[in-house]
PDB file of N, CA and C in Angstrom:
ATOM      1  N   UNK A   1       0.939  -1.169  -0.254  1.00  0.00           N
ATOM      2  CA  UNK A   1       0.006   0.311  -0.010  1.00  0.00           C
ATOM      3  C   UNK A   1       0.847   1.225  -0.017  1.00  0.00           C
ATOM      4  N   UNK A   2       0.708   2.109  -0.978  1.00  0.00           N
ATOM      5  CA  UNK A   2       1.419   3.466  -0.944  1.00  0.00           C
ATOM      6  C   UNK A   2       1.129   4.284   0.291  1.00  0.00           C
ATOM      7  N   UNK A   3       1.994   5.179   0.339  1.00  0.00           N
ATOM      8  CA  UNK A   3       2.385   5.893   1.992  1.00  0.00           C
ATOM      9  C   UNK A   3       1.142   6.850   1.968  1.00  0.00           C
ATOM     10  N   UNK A   4       0.489   7.339   0.774  1.00  0.00           N
ATOM     11  CA  UNK A   4      -0.669   8.463   0.975  1.00  0.00           C
ATOM     12  C   UNK A   4      -1.941   7.587   1.192  1.00  0.00           C
ATOM     13  N   UNK A   5      -2.045   6.420   0.755  1.00  0.00           N
ATOM     14  CA  UNK A   5      -3.326   5.635   0.912  1.00  0.00           C
ATOM     15  C   UNK A   5      -3.164   5.329   2.395  1.00  0.00           C
ATOM     16  N   UNK A   6      -2.273   5.056   3.066  1.00  0.00           N
ATOM     17  CA  UNK A   6      -2.035   4.349   4.311  1.00  0.00           C
ATOM     18  C   UNK A   6      -2.142   5.375   5.131  1.00  0.00           C
ATOM     19  N   UNK A   7      -1.900   6.727   4.738  1.00  0.00           N
ATOM     20  CA  UNK A   7      -1.596   7.635   5.982  1.00  0.00           C
ATOM     21  C   UNK A   7      -3.219   8.328   5.834  1.00  0.00           C
ATOM     22  N   UNK A   8      -4.066   8.038   4.817  1.00  0.00           N
ATOM     23  CA  UNK A   8      -5.261   8.329   4.555  1.00  0.00           C
ATOM     24  C   UNK A   8      -6.256   7.467   5.324  1.00  0.00           C
ATOM     25  N   UNK A   9      -6.219   6.352   5.400  1.00  0.00           N
ATOM     26  CA  UNK A   9      -7.036   5.131   6.082  1.00  0.00           C
ATOM     27  C   UNK A   9      -6.525   5.396   7.370  1.00  0.00           C
ATOM     28  N   UNK A  10      -5.549   5.547   7.783  1.00  0.00           N
ATOM     29  CA  UNK A  10      -5.116   5.739   9.220  1.00  0.00           C
ATOM     30  C   UNK A  10      -5.667   6.818   9.662  1.00  0.00           C
ATOM     31  N   UNK A  11      -5.697   8.099   9.173  1.00  0.00           N
ATOM     32  CA  UNK A  11      -6.586   9.081   9.685  1.00  0.00           C
ATOM     33  C   UNK A  11      -7.957   8.804   9.483  1.00  0.00           C
ATOM     34  N   UNK A  12      -8.737   7.980   8.771  1.00  0.00           N
ATOM     35  CA  UNK A  12     -10.037   7.823   8.825  1.00  0.00           C
ATOM     36  C   UNK A  12     -10.192   7.026  10.003  1.00  0.00           C
ATOM     37  N   UNK A  13      -9.360   5.956  10.426  1.00  0.00           N
ATOM     38  CA  UNK A  13      -9.386   5.268  11.532  1.00  0.00           C
ATOM     39  C   UNK A  13      -9.438   6.067  13.047  1.00  0.00           C
ATOM     40  N   UNK A  14      -8.514   7.085  12.849  1.00  0.00           N
ATOM     41  CA  UNK A  14      -8.743   7.600  14.164  1.00  0.00           C
ATOM     42  C   UNK A  14      -9.581   8.495  14.195  1.00  0.00           C
ATOM     43  N   UNK A  15     -10.202   8.986  13.296  1.00  0.00           N
ATOM     44  CA  UNK A  15     -11.771   9.815  13.149  1.00  0.00           C
ATOM     45  C   UNK A  15     -12.697   8.878  13.554  1.00  0.00           C
ATOM     46  N   UNK A  16     -12.513   7.833  13.039  1.00  0.00           N
ATOM     47  CA  UNK A  16     -13.707   6.570  13.776  1.00  0.00           C
ATOM     48  C   UNK A  16     -13.860   6.334  14.740  1.00  0.00           C
ATOM     49  N   UNK A  17     -12.739   5.988  15.318  1.00  0.00           N
ATOM     50  CA  UNK A  17     -12.269   6.090  17.018  1.00  0.00           C
ATOM     51  C   UNK A  17     -13.352   7.272  17.675  1.00  0.00           C
ATOM     52  N   UNK A  18     -12.920   8.211  17.136  1.00  0.00           N
ATOM     53  CA  UNK A  18     -13.349   9.763  17.785  1.00  0.00           C
ATOM     54  C   UNK A  18     -15.154   9.659  17.620  1.00  0.00           C
ATOM     55  N   UNK A  19     -15.491   9.132  16.494  1.00  0.00           N
ATOM     56  CA  UNK A  19     -16.833   8.940  16.391  1.00  0.00           C
ATOM     57  C   UNK A  19     -17.577   8.104  17.246  1.00  0.00           C
ATOM     58  N   UNK A  20     -16.967   6.846  17.225  1.00  0.00           N
ATOM     59  CA  UNK A  20     -17.292   6.085  18.324  1.00  0.00           C
ATOM     60  C   UNK A  20     -17.293   6.624  19.769  1.00  0.00           C
ATOM     61  N   UNK A  21     -16.562   7.239  20.262  1.00  0.00           N
ATOM     62  CA  UNK A  21     -16.491   7.785  21.595  1.00  0.00           C
ATOM     63  C   UNK A  21     -17.498   8.955  21.565  1.00  0.00           C
ATOM     64  N   UNK A  22     -17.736   9.675  20.572  1.00  0.00           N
ATOM     65  CA  UNK A  22     -18.937  10.402  20.450  1.00  0.00           C
ATOM     66  C   UNK A  22     -20.286   9.903  20.845  1.00  0.00           C
ATOM     67  N   UNK A  23     -20.869   8.873  20.210  1.00  0.00           N
ATOM     68  CA  UNK A  23     -21.796   8.055  19.959  1.00  0.00           C
ATOM     69  C   UNK A  23     -21.992   7.372  21.725  1.00  0.00           C
ATOM     70  N   UNK A  24     -20.707   6.895  22.171  1.00  0.00           N
ATOM     71  CA  UNK A  24     -20.845   6.260  23.413  1.00  0.00           C
ATOM     72  C   UNK A  24     -20.896   7.543  24.547  1.00  0.00           C
ATOM     73  N   UNK A  25     -20.293   8.380  24.544  1.00  0.00           N
ATOM     74  CA  UNK A  25     -20.398   9.502  25.541  1.00  0.00           C
ATOM     75  C   UNK A  25     -21.603  10.214  25.377  1.00  0.00           C
ATOM     76  N   UNK A  26     -22.328  10.313  24.650  1.00  0.00           N
ATOM     77  CA  UNK A  26     -23.689  11.015  24.300  1.00  0.00           C
ATOM     78  C   UNK A  26     -24.773  10.259  24.266  1.00  0.00           C
ATOM     79  N   UNK A  27     -24.549   8.949  24.054  1.00  0.00           N
ATOM     80  CA  UNK A  27     -25.743   8.124  23.878  1.00  0.00           C
ATOM     81  C   UNK A  27     -26.769   8.240  22.960  1.00  0.00           C
ATOM     82  N   UNK A  28     -26.045   8.707  21.575  1.00  0.00           N
ATOM     83  CA  UNK A  28     -26.981   8.554  20.811  1.00  0.00           C
ATOM     84  C   UNK A  28     -25.875   8.416  19.458  1.00  0.00           C
ATOM     85  N   UNK A  29     -26.828   7.914  18.528  1.00  0.00           N
ATOM     86  CA  UNK A  29     -26.072   7.730  16.920  1.00  0.00           C
ATOM     87  C   UNK A  29     -25.861   8.857  16.354  1.00  0.00           C
ATOM     88  N   UNK A  30     -24.972   8.707  15.259  1.00  0.00           N
ATOM     89  CA  UNK A  30     -24.133  10.003  14.882  1.00  0.00           C
ATOM     90  C   UNK A  30     -25.182  10.604  13.690  1.00  0.00           C
ATOM     91  N   UNK A  31     -26.259  10.335  13.646  1.00  0.00           N
ATOM     92  CA  UNK A  31     -27.237  10.920  12.828  1.00  0.00           C
ATOM     93  C   UNK A  31     -28.400  11.983  13.726  1.00  0.00           C
ATOM     94  N   UNK A  32     -28.521  13.139  13.087  1.00  0.00           N
ATOM     95  CA  UNK A  32     -28.633  14.363  13.816  1.00  0.00           C
ATOM     96  C   UNK A  32     -28.830  15.321  13.057  1.00  0.00           C
ATOM     97  N   UNK A  33     -29.906  16.154  13.222  1.00  0.00           N
ATOM     98  CA  UNK A  33     -30.124  17.360  12.281  1.00  0.00           C
ATOM     99  C   UNK A  33     -29.811  18.640  13.019  1.00  0.00           C
ATOM    100  N   UNK A  34     -29.040  18.383  14.211  1.00  0.00           N
ATOM    101  CA  UNK A  34     -28.621  19.725  15.025  1.00  0.00           C
ATOM    102  C   UNK A  34     -27.382  20.061  14.820  1.00  0.00           C
ATOM    103  N   UNK A  35     -27.051  21.398  14.076  1.00  0.00           N
ATOM    104  CA  UNK A  35     -26.036  21.623  14.102  1.00  0.00           C
ATOM    105  C   UNK A  35     -24.974  21.446  15.462  1.00  0.00           C
ATOM    106  N   UNK A  36     -25.393  21.769  16.376  1.00  0.00           N
ATOM    107  CA  UNK A  36     -24.457  21.603  17.683  1.00  0.00           C
ATOM    108  C   UNK A  36     -24.044  20.318  17.772  1.00  0.00           C
ATOM    109  N   UNK A  37     -24.852  19.198  17.565  1.00  0.00           N
ATOM    110  CA  UNK A  37     -24.436  17.797  17.304  1.00  0.00           C
ATOM    111  C   UNK A  37     -23.430  17.793  16.202  1.00  0.00           C
ATOM    112  N   UNK A  38     -23.656  18.093  15.170  1.00  0.00           N
ATOM    113  CA  UNK A  38     -22.814  17.842  13.991  1.00  0.00           C
ATOM    114  C   UNK A  38     -21.095  18.672  14.305  1.00  0.00           C
ATOM    115  N   UNK A  39     -21.372  19.637  14.949  1.00  0.00           N
ATOM    116  CA  UNK A  39     -19.991  20.316  15.334  1.00  0.00           C
ATOM    117  C   UNK A  39     -19.306  19.582  16.468  1.00  0.00           C
ATOM    118  N   UNK A  40     -20.123  19.063  17.380  1.00  0.00           N
ATOM    119  CA  UNK A  40     -19.291  18.172  18.640  1.00  0.00           C
ATOM    120  C   UNK A  40     -18.963  16.991  17.938  1.00  0.00           C
ATOM    121  N   UNK A  41     -19.566  16.187  17.077  1.00  0.00           N
ATOM    122  CA  UNK A  41     -19.081  15.043  16.462  1.00  0.00           C
ATOM    123  C   UNK A  41     -17.958  15.197  15.502  1.00  0.00           C
ATOM    124  N   UNK A  42     -17.640  16.354  14.764  1.00  0.00           N
ATOM    125  CA  UNK A  42     -16.538  16.877  13.958  1.00  0.00           C
ATOM    126  C   UNK A  42     -15.812  17.098  15.164  1.00  0.00           C
ATOM    127  N   UNK A  43     -15.594  17.713  16.047  1.00  0.00           N
ATOM    128  CA  UNK A  43     -14.833  17.923  17.255  1.00  0.00           C
ATOM    129  C   UNK A  43     -14.153  16.449  17.868  1.00  0.00           C
ATOM    130  N   UNK A  44     -14.937  15.639  17.985  1.00  0.00           N
ATOM    131  CA  UNK A  44     -14.619  14.376  18.524  1.00  0.00           C
ATOM    132  C   UNK A  44     -13.731  13.592  17.366  1.00  0.00           C
ATOM    133  N   UNK A  45     -13.911  13.732  15.959  1.00  0.00           N
ATOM    134  CA  UNK A  45     -13.419  13.120  15.230  1.00  0.00           C
ATOM    135  C   UNK A  45     -12.051  13.477  14.811  1.00  0.00           C
ATOM    136  N   UNK A  46     -12.009  15.079  15.119  1.00  0.00           N
ATOM    137  CA  UNK A  46     -10.492  15.951  14.759  1.00  0.00           C
ATOM    138  C   UNK A  46      -9.491  15.715  15.854  1.00  0.00           C
ATOM    139  N   UNK A  47      -9.995  15.674  17.105  1.00  0.00           N
ATOM    140  CA  UNK A  47      -8.831  15.500  18.210  1.00  0.00           C
ATOM    141  C   UNK A  47      -8.282  14.054  17.808  1.00  0.00           C
ATOM    142  N   UNK A  48      -8.710  12.989  17.799  1.00  0.00           N
ATOM    143  CA  UNK A  48      -7.767  11.866  17.339  1.00  0.00           C
ATOM    144  C   UNK A  48      -6.965  11.877  16.264  1.00  0.00           C
ATOM    145  N   UNK A  49      -7.662  12.410  15.365  1.00  0.00           N
ATOM    146  CA  UNK A  49      -6.616  12.708  14.015  1.00  0.00           C
ATOM    147  C   UNK A  49      -5.800  13.667  14.245  1.00  0.00           C
ATOM    148  N   UNK A  50      -5.927  14.796  14.785  1.00  0.00           N
ATOM    149  CA  UNK A  50      -4.785  15.831  15.364  1.00  0.00           C
ATOM    150  C   UNK A  50      -3.611  15.311  16.130  1.00  0.00           C
ATOM    151  N   UNK A  51      -4.068  14.429  17.070  1.00  0.00           N
ATOM    152  CA  UNK A  51      -2.964  13.402  17.773  1.00  0.00           C
ATOM    153  C   UNK A  51      -2.300  12.347  16.742  1.00  0.00           C
ATOM    154  N   UNK A  52      -3.061  11.740  15.966  1.00  0.00           N
ATOM    155  CA  UNK A  52      -2.359  11.054  14.855  1.00  0.00           C
ATOM    156  C   UNK A  52      -1.173  12.027  14.147  1.00  0.00           C
ATOM    157  N   UNK A  53      -1.901  13.062  13.949  1.00  0.00           N
ATOM    158  CA  UNK A  53      -0.808  13.674  12.717  1.00  0.00           C
ATOM    159  C   UNK A  53       0.440  14.089  13.661  1.00  0.00           C
ATOM    160  N   UNK A  54      -0.067  14.628  14.670  1.00  0.00           N
ATOM    161  CA  UNK A  54       1.232  15.130  15.118  1.00  0.00           C
ATOM    162  C   UNK A  54       2.243  13.977  15.879  1.00  0.00           C
ATOM    163  N   UNK A  55       2.032  12.808  16.071  1.00  0.00           N
ATOM    164  CA  UNK A  55       2.712  11.396  16.008  1.00  0.00           C
ATOM    165  C   UNK A  55       3.375  11.364  15.074  1.00  0.00           C
ATOM    166  N   UNK A  56       2.640  11.468  14.134  1.00  0.00           N
ATOM    167  CA  UNK A  56       3.284  11.291  12.571  1.00  0.00           C
ATOM    168  C   UNK A  56       4.290  12.345  12.309  1.00  0.00           C
ATOM    169  N   UNK A  57       4.478  13.065  12.888  1.00  0.00           N
ATOM    170  CA  UNK A  57       5.583  14.268  12.616  1.00  0.00           C
ATOM    171  C   UNK A  57       4.741  15.507  12.198  1.00  0.00           C
ATOM    172  N   UNK A  58       3.803  15.472  11.780  1.00  0.00           N
ATOM    173  CA  UNK A  58       3.214  16.811  10.953  1.00  0.00           C
ATOM    174  C   UNK A  58       2.948  18.016  12.002  1.00  0.00           C
ATOM    175  N   UNK A  59       3.239  19.066  11.375  1.00  0.00           N
ATOM    176  CA  UNK A  59       3.114  20.204  12.362  1.00  0.00           C
ATOM    177  C   UNK A  59       1.756  20.879  12.703  1.00  0.00           C
ATOM    178  N   UNK A  60       1.549  21.626  13.426  1.00  0.00           N
ATOM    179  CA  UNK A  60       0.102  21.755  13.982  1.00  0.00           C
ATOM    180  C   UNK A  60      -0.245  22.567  12.914  1.00  0.00           C
ATOM    181  N   UNK A  61       0.293  23.433  11.917  1.00  0.00           N
ATOM    182  CA  UNK A  61      -0.379  23.878  10.800  1.00  0.00           C
ATOM    183  C   UNK A  61      -0.897  23.241  10.030  1.00  0.00           C
ATOM    184  N   UNK A  62      -0.281  21.826   9.738  1.00  0.00           N
ATOM    185  CA  UNK A  62      -0.854  20.687   8.657  1.00  0.00           C
ATOM    186  C   UNK A  62      -2.072  20.471   9.459  1.00  0.00           C
ATOM    187  N   UNK A  63      -2.011  20.034  10.822  1.00  0.00           N
ATOM    188  CA  UNK A  63      -2.959  19.317  11.328  1.00  0.00           C
ATOM    189  C   UNK A  63      -4.345  20.261  11.392  1.00  0.00           C
ATOM    190  N   UNK A  64      -4.105  21.784  11.588  1.00  0.00           N
ATOM    191  CA  UNK A  64      -5.083  22.641  11.372  1.00  0.00           C
ATOM    192  C   UNK A  64      -5.809  22.910  10.115  1.00  0.00           C
ATOM    193  N   UNK A  65      -4.734  22.472   9.108  1.00  0.00           N
ATOM    194  CA  UNK A  65      -5.562  22.668   7.720  1.00  0.00           C
ATOM    195  C   UNK A  65      -6.432  21.332   7.591  1.00  0.00           C
ATOM    196  N   UNK A  66      -5.862  20.305   7.837  1.00  0.00           N
ATOM    197  CA  UNK A  66      -6.537  19.030   7.778  1.00  0.00           C
ATOM    198  C   UNK A  66      -8.044  18.891   8.372  1.00  0.00           C
ATOM    199  N   UNK A  67      -7.804  19.612   9.355  1.00  0.00           N
ATOM    200  CA  UNK A  67      -9.340  19.801  10.116  1.00  0.00           C
ATOM    201  C   UNK A  67     -10.101  20.894   9.512  1.00  0.00           C
ATOM    202  N   UNK A  68      -9.422  21.518   8.970  1.00  0.00           N
ATOM    203  CA  UNK A  68     -10.305  22.534   8.167  1.00  0.00           C
ATOM    204  C   UNK A  68     -10.666  22.037   6.713  1.00  0.00           C
ATOM    205  N   UNK A  69     -10.156  21.257   6.302  1.00  0.00           N
ATOM    206  CA  UNK A  69     -10.130  20.412   5.204  1.00  0.00           C
ATOM    207  C   UNK A  69     -11.623  19.418   5.083  1.00  0.00           C
ATOM    208  N   UNK A  70     -11.608  18.695   6.425  1.00  0.00           N
ATOM    209  CA  UNK A  70     -12.567  18.050   6.778  1.00  0.00           C
ATOM    210  C   UNK A  70     -13.896  18.774   7.276  1.00  0.00           C
ATOM    211  N   UNK A  71     -13.624  19.728   8.082  1.00  0.00           N
ATOM    212  CA  UNK A  71     -14.876  20.548   8.454  1.00  0.00           C
ATOM    213  C   UNK A  71     -15.646  21.605   7.934  1.00  0.00           C
ATOM    214  N   UNK A  72     -14.897  22.191   6.709  1.00  0.00           N
ATOM    215  CA  UNK A  72     -15.365  23.232   6.131  1.00  0.00           C
ATOM    216  C   UNK A  72     -16.373  22.463   4.932  1.00  0.00           C
ATOM    217  N   UNK A  73     -16.000  21.312   4.244  1.00  0.00           N
ATOM    218  CA  UNK A  73     -17.231  20.867   3.370  1.00  0.00           C
ATOM    219  C   UNK A  73     -18.468  20.257   4.161  1.00  0.00           C
ATOM    220  N   UNK A  74     -18.072  19.291   4.899  1.00  0.00           N
ATOM    221  CA  UNK A  74     -18.992  18.563   5.980  1.00  0.00           C
ATOM    222  C   UNK A  74     -20.292  19.569   6.416  1.00  0.00           C
ATOM    223  N   UNK A  75     -19.537  20.900   6.741  1.00  0.00           N
ATOM    224  CA  UNK A  75     -20.536  21.786   7.660  1.00  0.00           C
ATOM    225  C   UNK A  75     -21.377  22.375   6.627  1.00  0.00           C
ATOM    226  N   UNK A  76     -20.649  22.790   5.239  1.00  0.00           N
ATOM    227  CA  UNK A  76     -21.454  23.191   4.340  1.00  0.00           C
ATOM    228  C   UNK A  76     -22.429  22.234   3.904  1.00  0.00           C
ATOM    229  N   UNK A  77     -22.336  21.037   3.338  1.00  0.00           N
ATOM    230  CA  UNK A  77     -23.348  20.344   3.038  1.00  0.00           C
ATOM    231  C   UNK A  77     -24.477  20.216   4.275  1.00  0.00           C
ATOM    232  N   UNK A  78     -24.016  20.176   5.393  1.00  0.00           N
ATOM    233  CA  UNK A  78     -24.922  19.877   6.389  1.00  0.00           C
ATOM    234  C   UNK A  78     -25.605  21.255   6.657  1.00  0.00           C
ATOM    235  N   UNK A  79     -25.286  22.431   6.712  1.00  0.00           N
ATOM    236  CA  UNK A  79     -26.025  23.806   6.540  1.00  0.00           C
ATOM    237  C   UNK A  79     -26.872  23.729   5.342  1.00  0.00           C
ATOM    238  N   UNK A  80     -26.343  23.436   4.241  1.00  0.00           N
ATOM    239  CA  UNK A  80     -27.396  23.310   3.214  1.00  0.00           C
ATOM    240  C   UNK A  80     -28.461  22.263   3.167  1.00  0.00           C
ATOM    241  N   UNK A  81     -28.234  21.087   3.344  1.00  0.00           N
ATOM    242  CA  UNK A  81     -29.276  20.102   3.528  1.00  0.00           C
ATOM    243  C   UNK A  81     -30.189  19.737   4.664  1.00  0.00           C
ATOM    244  N   UNK A  82     -29.538  20.075   6.058  1.00  0.00           N
ATOM    245  CA  UNK A  82     -30.211  19.775   7.212  1.00  0.00           C
ATOM    246  C   UNK A  82     -31.790  20.226   7.216  1.00  0.00           C
ATOM    247  N   UNK A  83     -31.833  21.502   6.641  1.00  0.00           N
ATOM    248  CA  UNK A  83     -33.164  22.288   7.004  1.00  0.00           C
ATOM    249  C   UNK A  83     -34.038  21.706   5.969  1.00  0.00           C
ATOM    250  N   UNK A  84     -33.958  20.827   4.829  1.00  0.00           N
ATOM    251  CA  UNK A  84     -34.727  20.353   3.771  1.00  0.00           C
ATOM    252  C   UNK A  84     -35.374  18.930   4.249  1.00  0.00           C
ATOM    253  N   UNK A  85     -36.875  18.748   4.519  1.00  0.00           N
ATOM    254  CA  UNK A  85     -37.489  17.783   5.255  1.00  0.00           C
ATOM    255  C   UNK A  85     -37.387  16.395   4.108  1.00  0.00           C
ATOM    256  N   UNK A  86     -37.152  16.854   2.908  1.00  0.00           N
ATOM    257  CA  UNK A  86     -37.228  15.886   1.929  1.00  0.00           C
ATOM    258  C   UNK A  86     -35.873  15.224   1.784  1.00  0.00           C
ATOM    259  N   UNK A  87     -34.688  15.509   2.554  1.00  0.00           N
ATOM    260  CA  UNK A  87     -33.560  14.864   2.498  1.00  0.00           C
ATOM    261  C   UNK A  87     -33.389  13.674   3.712  1.00  0.00           C
ATOM    262  N   UNK A  88     -33.439  12.584   3.396  1.00  0.00           N
ATOM    263  CA  UNK A  88     -33.350  11.627   4.890  1.00  0.00           C
ATOM    264  C   UNK A  88     -32.379  11.805   5.879  1.00  0.00           C
ATOM    265  N   UNK A  89     -32.545  11.444   6.944  1.00  0.00           N
ATOM    266  CA  UNK A  89     -31.554  11.519   7.864  1.00  0.00           C
ATOM    267  C   UNK A  89     -30.310  11.108   7.488  1.00  0.00           C
ATOM    268  N   UNK A  90     -30.366   9.575   7.016  1.00  0.00           N
ATOM    269  CA  UNK A  90     -29.248   8.783   6.537  1.00  0.00           C
ATOM    270  C   UNK A  90     -28.737   9.300   5.830  1.00  0.00           C
ATOM    271  N   UNK A  91     -29.005  10.171   4.719  1.00  0.00           N
ATOM    272  CA  UNK A  91     -28.581  10.568   3.563  1.00  0.00           C
ATOM    273  C   UNK A  91     -27.645  11.808   3.957  1.00  0.00           C
ATOM    274  N   UNK A  92     -28.446  12.679   4.702  1.00  0.00           N
ATOM    275  CA  UNK A  92     -27.665  13.593   5.112  1.00  0.00           C
ATOM    276  C   UNK A  92     -26.262  13.095   5.900  1.00  0.00           C
ATOM    277  N   UNK A  93     -26.719  12.314   6.828  1.00  0.00           N
ATOM    278  CA  UNK A  93     -25.074  11.778   7.635  1.00  0.00           C
ATOM    279  C   UNK A  93     -24.478  11.171   6.512  1.00  0.00           C
ATOM    280  N   UNK A  94     -24.840  10.542   5.391  1.00  0.00           N
ATOM    281  CA  UNK A  94     -23.762   9.838   4.550  1.00  0.00           C
ATOM    282  C   UNK A  94     -23.072  11.148   3.553  1.00  0.00           C
ATOM    283  N   UNK A  95     -23.903  11.975   3.335  1.00  0.00           N
ATOM    284  CA  UNK A  95     -23.557  13.036   2.643  1.00  0.00           C
ATOM    285  C   UNK A  95     -22.538  14.012   2.943  1.00  0.00           C
ATOM    286  N   UNK A  96     -22.388  14.136   4.320  1.00  0.00           N
ATOM    287  CA  UNK A  96     -21.762  14.905   5.145  1.00  0.00           C
ATOM    288  C   UNK A  96     -20.120  14.203   5.214  1.00  0.00           C
ATOM    289  N   UNK A  97     -20.142  13.082   5.808  1.00  0.00           N
ATOM    290  CA  UNK A  97     -19.387  12.300   6.033  1.00  0.00           C
ATOM    291  C   UNK A  97     -18.411  12.073   4.445  1.00  0.00           C
ATOM    292  N   UNK A  98     -19.132  12.369   3.457  1.00  0.00           N
ATOM    293  CA  UNK A  98     -18.759  12.061   1.997  1.00  0.00           C
ATOM    294  C   UNK A  98     -17.896  13.131   1.710  1.00  0.00           C
ATOM    295  N   UNK A  99     -18.573  14.309   1.980  1.00  0.00           N
ATOM    296  CA  UNK A  99     -17.938  15.753   1.821  1.00  0.00           C
ATOM    297  C   UNK A  99     -16.677  15.884   2.642  1.00  0.00           C
ATOM    298  N   UNK A 100     -16.797  15.195   4.104  1.00  0.00           N
ATOM    299  CA  UNK A 100     -15.582  15.617   4.870  1.00  0.00           C
ATOM    300  C   UNK A 100     -14.471  14.716   4.193  1.00  0.00           C
ATOM    301  N   UNK A 101     -14.371  13.508   4.043  1.00  0.00           N
ATOM    302  CA  UNK A 101     -13.644  12.834   3.502  1.00  0.00           C
ATOM    303  C   UNK A 101     -12.958  13.115   1.932  1.00  0.00           C
ATOM    304  N   UNK A 102     -13.794  13.620   0.927  1.00  0.00           N
ATOM    305  CA  UNK A 102     -13.507  14.032   0.028  1.00  0.00           C
ATOM    306  C   UNK A 102     -12.640  15.454   0.214  1.00  0.00           C
ATOM    307  N   UNK A 103     -13.029  16.308   1.204  1.00  0.00           N
ATOM    308  CA  UNK A 103     -12.040  17.437   1.396  1.00  0.00           C
ATOM    309  C   UNK A 103     -10.801  16.940   1.886  1.00  0.00           C
ATOM    310  N   UNK A 104     -10.649  16.083   2.906  1.00  0.00           N
ATOM    311  CA  UNK A 104      -9.417  15.934   3.299  1.00  0.00           C
ATOM    312  C   UNK A 104      -8.625  15.053   2.028  1.00  0.00           C
ATOM    313  N   UNK A 105      -9.172  14.291   1.284  1.00  0.00           N
ATOM    314  CA  UNK A 105      -8.488  13.706   0.148  1.00  0.00           C
ATOM    315  C   UNK A 105      -7.910  14.852  -0.897  1.00  0.00           C
ATOM    316  N   UNK A 106      -8.648  15.652  -0.997  1.00  0.00           N
ATOM    317  CA  UNK A 106      -8.072  16.946  -1.665  1.00  0.00           C
ATOM    318  C   UNK A 106      -6.945  17.526  -1.054  1.00  0.00           C
ATOM    319  N   UNK A 107      -7.155  17.965  -0.211  1.00  0.00           N
ATOM    320  CA  UNK A 107      -5.923  18.437   0.609  1.00  0.00           C
ATOM    321  C   UNK A 107      -4.757  17.581   0.436  1.00  0.00           C
ATOM    322  N   UNK A 108      -4.768  16.256   0.592  1.00  0.00           N
ATOM    323  CA  UNK A 108      -3.767  15.074   0.714  1.00  0.00           C
ATOM    324  C   UNK A 108      -3.048  15.176  -0.632  1.00  0.00           C
ATOM    325  N   UNK A 109      -3.628  15.292  -1.743  1.00  0.00           N
ATOM    326  CA  UNK A 109      -3.589  15.471  -3.353  1.00  0.00           C
ATOM    327  C   UNK A 109      -2.738  16.576  -3.636  1.00  0.00           C
ATOM    328  N   UNK A 110      -3.125  17.749  -2.666  1.00  0.00           N
ATOM    329  CA  UNK A 110      -2.543  18.876  -3.067  1.00  0.00           C
ATOM    330  C   UNK A 110      -1.108  18.788  -2.523  1.00  0.00           C
ATOM    331  N   UNK A 111      -1.040  18.603  -1.283  1.00  0.00           N
ATOM    332  CA  UNK A 111       0.058  18.276  -0.440  1.00  0.00           C
ATOM    333  C   UNK A 111       1.051  16.732  -0.576  1.00  0.00           C
ATOM    334  N   UNK A 112       0.425  15.954  -1.760  1.00  0.00           N
ATOM    335  CA  UNK A 112       0.914  14.860  -1.838  1.00  0.00           C
ATOM    336  C   UNK A 112       2.410  14.532  -1.069  1.00  0.00           C
ATOM    337  N   UNK A 113       3.288  15.331  -1.467  1.00  0.00           N
ATOM    338  CA  UNK A 113       4.585  14.910  -0.849  1.00  0.00           C
ATOM    339  C   UNK A 113       4.783  15.033   0.642  1.00  0.00           C
ATOM    340  N   UNK A 114       3.738  15.794   1.471  1.00  0.00           N
ATOM    341  CA  UNK A 114       4.065  15.851   2.772  1.00  0.00           C
ATOM    342  C   UNK A 114       3.415  14.447   3.145  1.00  0.00           C
ATOM    343  N   UNK A 115       2.044  14.108   2.533  1.00  0.00           N
ATOM    344  CA  UNK A 115       1.230  12.794   2.979  1.00  0.00           C
ATOM    345  C   UNK A 115       1.781  11.721   2.481  1.00  0.00           C
ATOM    346  N   UNK A 116       2.727  11.854   1.669  1.00  0.00           N
ATOM    347  CA  UNK A 116       3.140  10.204   1.142  1.00  0.00           C
ATOM    348  C   UNK A 116       4.181   9.667   1.337  1.00  0.00           C
ATOM    349  N   UNK A 117       4.887  10.617   2.546  1.00  0.00           N
ATOM    350  CA  UNK A 117       6.254  10.150   3.314  1.00  0.00           C
ATOM    351  C   UNK A 117       5.629   9.062   4.590  1.00  0.00           C
ATOM    352  N   UNK A 118       6.521   8.014   4.871  1.00  0.00           N
ATOM    353  CA  UNK A 118       6.171   7.012   5.688  1.00  0.00           C
ATOM    354  C   UNK A 118       6.110   7.484   7.465  1.00  0.00           C
ATOM    355  N   UNK A 119       6.256   8.673   7.393  1.00  0.00           N
ATOM    356  CA  UNK A 119       6.369   9.512   8.651  1.00  0.00           C
ATOM    357  C   UNK A 119       7.734   9.227   9.667  1.00  0.00           C
ATOM    358  N   UNK A 120       7.759  10.078  10.659  1.00  0.00           N
ATOM    359  CA  UNK A 120       8.695  10.527  11.402  1.00  0.00           C
ATOM    360  C   UNK A 120       8.972   9.110  12.245  1.00  0.00           C
ATOM    361  N   UNK A 121       7.952   8.073  12.807  1.00  0.00           N
ATOM    362  CA  UNK A 121       8.073   7.418  13.703  1.00  0.00           C
ATOM    363  C   UNK A 121       7.925   6.110  13.205  1.00  0.00           C
TER     364      UNK A 121
END
């Protein structure tokens, strides 16, 4: 597996762990139409991803860029679609997560050299 793909999947795994922690601590699933729920879930996903990135030797700036690359597209989709009653809850959740993952992938492709290395550890 190449370095870029491995790094992407490792970050997604860290984010999934954060999403599970969110669901356990808040006693609810990850499907909600409340913007505060979405923001808190993104925070729970961001913290382990940032920790992983720092462990791998990335700068705080890179971690902030990655956090923005996942948050901005997801929140844009959420804000646009959550008020629409014709959009099913599961579709809303899926679309926000797809936007998040595509935003991260786009940043990784733009910064391919940084995200392709094997890491410092």
